[in-house]
Structure formats: structure tokens, C-alpha cells
Protein backbone atom coordinates (compact mmCIF):
# COMPACT_ATOMS: atom_id res chain seq x y z
CA UNK A 1 85.07 81.41 103.29
CA UNK A 2 82.56 78.72 102.73
CA UNK A 3 83.31 75.54 100.67
CA UNK A 4 86.65 76.62 98.91
CA UNK A 5 89.06 74.93 100.73
CA UNK A 6 92.47 75.86 102.05
CA UNK A 7 94.39 76.42 98.42
CA UNK A 8 91.25 77.91 97.44
CA UNK A 9 91.27 80.49 100.43
CA UNK A 10 94.75 81.42 99.41
CA UNK A 11 94.05 81.81 95.96
CA UNK A 12 91.09 83.79 97.01
CA UNK A 13 93.30 85.80 99.74
CA UNK A 14 95.85 86.84 96.88
CA UNK A 15 93.25 87.87 94.62
CA UNK A 16 91.30 90.16 96.99
CA UNK A 17 94.85 91.52 98.65
CA UNK A 18 95.83 92.32 95.34
CA UNK A 19 92.22 94.23 94.57
CA UNK A 20 92.51 96.24 97.51
CA UNK A 21 95.93 97.25 96.83
CA UNK A 22 95.08 98.30 93.33
CA UNK A 23 92.05 99.69 95.22
CA UNK A 24 93.70 102.07 97.90
CA UNK A 25 96.85 102.90 95.35
CA UNK A 26 99.24 100.94 97.21
CA UNK A 27 102.40 98.47 96.23
CA UNK A 28 102.89 96.00 98.22
CA UNK A 29 104.14 92.27 97.26
CA UNK A 30 102.72 88.82 96.92
CA UNK A 31 103.17 87.68 100.36
CA UNK A 32 101.78 90.93 102.04
CA UNK A 33 98.97 91.05 99.59
CA UNK A 34 98.07 87.34 100.66
CA UNK A 35 98.15 88.32 104.25
CA UNK A 36 95.77 91.39 103.97
CA UNK A 37 93.71 89.15 101.57
CA UNK A 38 93.27 86.48 104.35
CA UNK A 39 93.20 89.25 107.34
CA UNK A 40 90.58 91.06 105.04
CA UNK A 41 88.66 87.79 104.64
CA UNK A 42 88.60 87.30 108.41
CA UNK A 43 87.24 90.61 108.90
CA UNK A 44 84.46 90.89 106.04
CA UNK A 45 83.37 86.94 107.22
CA UNK A 46 83.36 88.66 110.56
CA UNK A 47 81.55 91.63 110.06
CA UNK A 48 79.38 89.88 107.30
CA UNK A 49 77.74 87.14 109.47
CA UNK A 50 77.59 89.81 112.39
CA UNK A 51 74.98 91.57 109.51
CA UNK A 52 73.60 88.49 108.73
CA UNK A 53 74.65 88.38 105.26
CA UNK A 54 75.22 85.20 103.75
CA UNK A 55 77.54 84.29 101.17
CA UNK A 56 79.10 81.26 99.34
CA UNK A 57 81.09 79.81 96.84
CA UNK A 58 84.33 81.66 95.02
CA UNK A 59 82.51 84.62 93.81
CA UNK A 60 80.94 85.76 97.41
CA UNK A 61 84.19 84.90 99.04
CA UNK A 62 86.28 87.00 96.74
CA UNK A 63 83.75 89.69 97.41
CA UNK A 64 83.55 89.68 101.26
CA UNK A 65 87.46 89.37 101.65
CA UNK A 66 88.07 91.99 99.15
CA UNK A 67 85.58 94.33 101.24
CA UNK A 68 87.44 93.32 104.45
CA UNK A 69 91.13 93.55 103.10
CA UNK A 70 90.11 97.30 102.01
CA UNK A 71 88.57 98.10 105.18
CA UNK A 72 91.75 96.51 106.76
CA UNK A 73 94.22 98.91 104.48
CA UNK A 74 92.08 102.30 105.20
CA UNK A 75 92.08 101.16 109.08
CA UNK A 76 95.99 100.87 109.02
CA UNK A 77 96.33 104.02 107.19
CA UNK A 78 94.25 105.77 109.35
CA UNK A 79 96.13 104.20 112.52
CA UNK A 80 99.88 105.25 110.87
CA UNK A 81 98.33 108.58 109.73
CA UNK A 82 98.87 108.21 106.07
């Protein structure tokens, strides 16, 4: 999350977690959405960086964080067998 600051990262994490929750058809609380969004942002940033994809600003960070959060929820459901 380049250039958004800590408060921006938290807000983007909450939004990304909520969007991923809606996309995957889940029901979580605010804290879980924030955790999923922030971990998803780390996962998405790592994968995007490894692939050479650059992103910046709020919109780019939100897209990468959301994709990472969706991937995280998918992987968790695959491991849990849901």
C-alpha cells in the first residue's frame, strides 16, 4: 500500500475485507473484515510485486488488497473444506 499511510491502510483494509466478504458470500464482523483485508493486502502486494505489477494510490491499493483478500478467503475455505 504505497503512499496511503497507516490510517488509509486500515480504511482500505476494512473496505477490501468487506468487498471480499460480499464477493465470497460470507458474513463477518468489522474486525474480521479488517484483518482479512489487511492480510489480503499483504498477500496481494507480495504477489503483485513478484509479478512485476506496480500499483499506487488509494484505488490501486484497494484493488490489490481486495484481490488478495478474495484469494485469502478462497484459500481458507479450501483448507477448511467449506
